[in-house]
Amino acid sequence: MSTITKKELVNRIADRIQQSKLLTRDVIQMFLDEIVRELGTGNRLEFREFGVFEVRKRAARKAQNPRTLDKVTVPMKHVVKFKVGRQMKEVVDRLPTPGKNGVSAPINAP
């Protein structure tokens, strides 16, 4: 498994749509900015077959500092929840189980 950066995605998409990397990067960044802005206002984003992003409240709770074992209060906070869509779930479910050396073959997603 490897990490794919935004730059790599920009390069792939720019090649596929035969547009400049600069334009492609700007469009992708605008898309990501819109997601953040909508979540920042508390809206839910649904992308059919991909998944759903939504903001949820995580209740205040009591926790314990593992070093000192002191009890601490963790305040309520908002977190982003992602629920995977059907198509993504199907693709991820087909991931092969890693072999003896922990390496698995890549999957071609639709």
C-alpha atoms as a PDB file:
ATOM      1  CA  MET A   1       0.000   0.000   0.000  1.00  0.00           C
ATOM      2  CA  SER A   2       1.311   3.453  -0.808  1.00  0.00           C
ATOM      3  CA  THR A   3       0.295   7.054  -0.217  1.00  0.00           C
ATOM      4  CA  ILE A   4      -1.072   9.008  -3.158  1.00  0.00           C
ATOM      5  CA  THR A   5      -0.721  12.785  -2.934  1.00  0.00           C
ATOM      6  CA  LYS A   6      -2.919  15.502  -4.383  1.00  0.00           C
ATOM      7  CA  LYS A   7      -0.108  16.244  -6.843  1.00  0.00           C
ATOM      8  CA  GLU A   8      -0.225  12.679  -8.162  1.00  0.00           C
ATOM      9  CA  LEU A   9      -4.008  12.839  -8.546  1.00  0.00           C
ATOM     10  CA  VAL A  10      -3.692  16.164 -10.366  1.00  0.00           C
ATOM     11  CA  ASN A  11      -1.174  14.636 -12.769  1.00  0.00           C
ATOM     12  CA  ARG A  12      -3.378  11.600 -13.472  1.00  0.00           C
ATOM     13  CA  ILE A  13      -6.556  13.609 -13.986  1.00  0.00           C
ATOM     14  CA  ALA A  14      -4.842  16.282 -16.106  1.00  0.00           C
ATOM     15  CA  ASP A  15      -3.528  13.551 -18.407  1.00  0.00           C
ATOM     16  CA  ARG A  16      -6.943  11.874 -18.665  1.00  0.00           C
ATOM     17  CA  ILE A  17      -8.856  15.044 -19.481  1.00  0.00           C
ATOM     18  CA  GLN A  18      -6.032  16.545 -21.516  1.00  0.00           C
ATOM     19  CA  GLN A  19      -6.004  19.804 -19.553  1.00  0.00           C
ATOM     20  CA  SER A  20      -3.163  21.667 -17.899  1.00  0.00           C
ATOM     21  CA  LYS A  21      -1.998  20.556 -14.487  1.00  0.00           C
ATOM     22  CA  LEU A  22      -2.480  24.101 -13.228  1.00  0.00           C
ATOM     23  CA  LEU A  23      -6.162  24.205 -14.232  1.00  0.00           C
ATOM     24  CA  THR A  24      -6.737  20.682 -12.918  1.00  0.00           C
ATOM     25  CA  ARG A  25      -5.066  21.524  -9.598  1.00  0.00           C
ATOM     26  CA  ASP A  26      -7.198  24.648  -9.226  1.00  0.00           C
ATOM     27  CA  VAL A  27     -10.441  22.760  -9.907  1.00  0.00           C
ATOM     28  CA  ILE A  28      -9.552  19.993  -7.448  1.00  0.00           C
ATOM     29  CA  GLN A  29      -8.597  22.553  -4.797  1.00  0.00           C
ATOM     30  CA  MET A  30     -11.862  24.462  -5.329  1.00  0.00           C
ATOM     31  CA  PHE A  31     -13.782  21.184  -4.937  1.00  0.00           C
ATOM     32  CA  LEU A  32     -11.971  20.394  -1.678  1.00  0.00           C
ATOM     33  CA  ASP A  33     -12.494  23.959  -0.423  1.00  0.00           C
ATOM     34  CA  GLU A  34     -16.235  23.670  -1.102  1.00  0.00           C
ATOM     35  CA  ILE A  35     -16.407  20.410   0.866  1.00  0.00           C
ATOM     36  CA  VAL A  36     -14.673  22.061   3.821  1.00  0.00           C
ATOM     37  CA  ARG A  37     -16.912  25.149   3.590  1.00  0.00           C
ATOM     38  CA  GLU A  38     -20.118  23.095   3.496  1.00  0.00           C
ATOM     39  CA  LEU A  39     -19.029  20.916   6.409  1.00  0.00           C
ATOM     40  CA  GLY A  40     -18.028  24.090   8.275  1.00  0.00           C
ATOM     41  CA  THR A  41     -21.609  25.309   8.041  1.00  0.00           C
ATOM     42  CA  GLY A  42     -22.935  21.981   9.286  1.00  0.00           C
ATOM     43  CA  ASN A  43     -24.216  20.716   5.940  1.00  0.00           C
ATOM     44  CA  ARG A  44     -24.205  17.083   4.882  1.00  0.00           C
ATOM     45  CA  LEU A  45     -22.545  16.178   1.556  1.00  0.00           C
ATOM     46  CA  GLU A  46     -23.794  13.149  -0.328  1.00  0.00           C
ATOM     47  CA  PHE A  47     -21.979  11.777  -3.354  1.00  0.00           C
ATOM     48  CA  ARG A  48     -23.984   8.854  -4.746  1.00  0.00           C
ATOM     49  CA  GLU A  49     -22.032   5.591  -4.930  1.00  0.00           C
ATOM     50  CA  PHE A  50     -19.024   7.303  -3.271  1.00  0.00           C
ATOM     51  CA  GLY A  51     -20.156   8.208   0.234  1.00  0.00           C
ATOM     52  CA  VAL A  52     -21.557  10.757   2.635  1.00  0.00           C
ATOM     53  CA  PHE A  53     -19.718  13.347   4.729  1.00  0.00           C
ATOM     54  CA  GLU A  54     -21.476  14.809   7.736  1.00  0.00           C
ATOM     55  CA  VAL A  55     -20.650  16.669  10.915  1.00  0.00           C
ATOM     56  CA  ARG A  56     -21.578  15.030  14.198  1.00  0.00           C
ATOM     57  CA  LYS A  57     -21.252  16.046  17.823  1.00  0.00           C
ATOM     58  CA  ARG A  58     -18.985  13.945  19.973  1.00  0.00           C
ATOM     59  CA  ALA A  59     -20.293  14.223  23.531  1.00  0.00           C
ATOM     60  CA  ALA A  60     -18.145  15.385  26.421  1.00  0.00           C
ATOM     61  CA  ARG A  61     -16.660  12.469  28.324  1.00  0.00           C
ATOM     62  CA  LYS A  62     -14.350  11.465  31.119  1.00  0.00           C
ATOM     63  CA  ALA A  63     -10.994   9.990  30.107  1.00  0.00           C
ATOM     64  CA  GLN A  64      -7.760   9.002  31.765  1.00  0.00           C
ATOM     65  CA  ASN A  65      -4.262  10.271  31.043  1.00  0.00           C
ATOM     66  CA  PRO A  66      -2.292   7.071  30.298  1.00  0.00           C
ATOM     67  CA  ARG A  67       0.948   8.467  31.738  1.00  0.00           C
ATOM     68  CA  THR A  68      -0.317   9.902  35.002  1.00  0.00           C
ATOM     69  CA  LEU A  69      -3.593   7.963  35.304  1.00  0.00           C
ATOM     70  CA  ASP A  70      -5.261  11.267  36.217  1.00  0.00           C
ATOM     71  CA  LYS A  71      -8.918  11.640  35.268  1.00  0.00           C
ATOM     72  CA  VAL A  72      -9.535  14.367  32.698  1.00  0.00           C
ATOM     73  CA  THR A  73     -12.639  15.836  31.095  1.00  0.00           C
ATOM     74  CA  VAL A  74     -12.689  15.800  27.315  1.00  0.00           C
ATOM     75  CA  PRO A  75     -15.033  18.538  26.065  1.00  0.00           C
ATOM     76  CA  MET A  76     -17.750  18.096  23.448  1.00  0.00           C
ATOM     77  CA  LYS A  77     -16.492  18.599  19.909  1.00  0.00           C
ATOM     78  CA  HIS A  78     -17.641  18.340  16.321  1.00  0.00           C
ATOM     79  CA  VAL A  79     -16.154  15.630  14.127  1.00  0.00           C
ATOM     80  CA  VAL A  80     -16.514  14.777  10.451  1.00  0.00           C
ATOM     81  CA  LYS A  81     -18.002  11.355   9.806  1.00  0.00           C
ATOM     82  CA  PHE A  82     -17.661   9.596   6.452  1.00  0.00           C
ATOM     83  CA  LYS A  83     -19.951   6.754   5.478  1.00  0.00           C
ATOM     84  CA  VAL A  84     -18.655   4.806   2.513  1.00  0.00           C
ATOM     85  CA  GLY A  85     -20.891   4.416  -0.533  1.00  0.00           C
ATOM     86  CA  ARG A  86     -21.825   1.191  -2.289  1.00  0.00           C
ATOM     87  CA  GLN A  87     -19.419   1.431  -5.213  1.00  0.00           C
ATOM     88  CA  MET A  88     -16.427   2.297  -3.028  1.00  0.00           C
ATOM     89  CA  LYS A  89     -17.332  -0.479  -0.589  1.00  0.00           C
ATOM     90  CA  GLU A  90     -17.416  -3.013  -3.415  1.00  0.00           C
ATOM     91  CA  VAL A  91     -14.000  -1.918  -4.721  1.00  0.00           C
ATOM     92  CA  VAL A  92     -12.403  -1.935  -1.261  1.00  0.00           C
ATOM     93  CA  ASP A  93     -13.956  -5.315  -0.428  1.00  0.00           C
ATOM     94  CA  ARG A  94     -12.073  -6.784  -3.398  1.00  0.00           C
ATOM     95  CA  LEU A  95      -8.682  -5.827  -1.953  1.00  0.00           C
ATOM     96  CA  PRO A  96      -6.539  -8.941  -1.786  1.00  0.00           C
ATOM     97  CA  THR A  97      -5.303 -10.236   1.535  1.00  0.00           C
ATOM     98  CA  PRO A  98      -1.604  -9.370   1.927  1.00  0.00           C
ATOM     99  CA  GLY A  99       0.779 -12.245   1.251  1.00  0.00           C
ATOM    100  CA  LYS A 100       3.658 -13.486   3.361  1.00  0.00           C
ATOM    101  CA  ASN A 101       5.723 -10.361   2.751  1.00  0.00           C
ATOM    102  CA  GLY A 102       2.766  -8.031   3.411  1.00  0.00           C
ATOM    103  CA  VAL A 103       2.578  -6.903  -0.223  1.00  0.00           C
ATOM    104  CA  SER A 104      -0.615  -7.125  -2.251  1.00  0.00           C
ATOM    105  CA  ALA A 105      -1.358  -6.460  -5.894  1.00  0.00           C
ATOM    106  CA  PRO A 106      -3.069  -3.165  -6.856  1.00  0.00           C
ATOM    107  CA  ILE A 107      -6.759  -3.086  -7.790  1.00  0.00           C
ATOM    108  CA  ASN A 108      -8.135  -1.355 -10.847  1.00  0.00           C
ATOM    109  CA  ALA A 109     -11.051   0.747  -9.663  1.00  0.00           C
ATOM    110  CA  PRO A 110     -13.843   1.692 -12.089  1.00  0.00           C
END
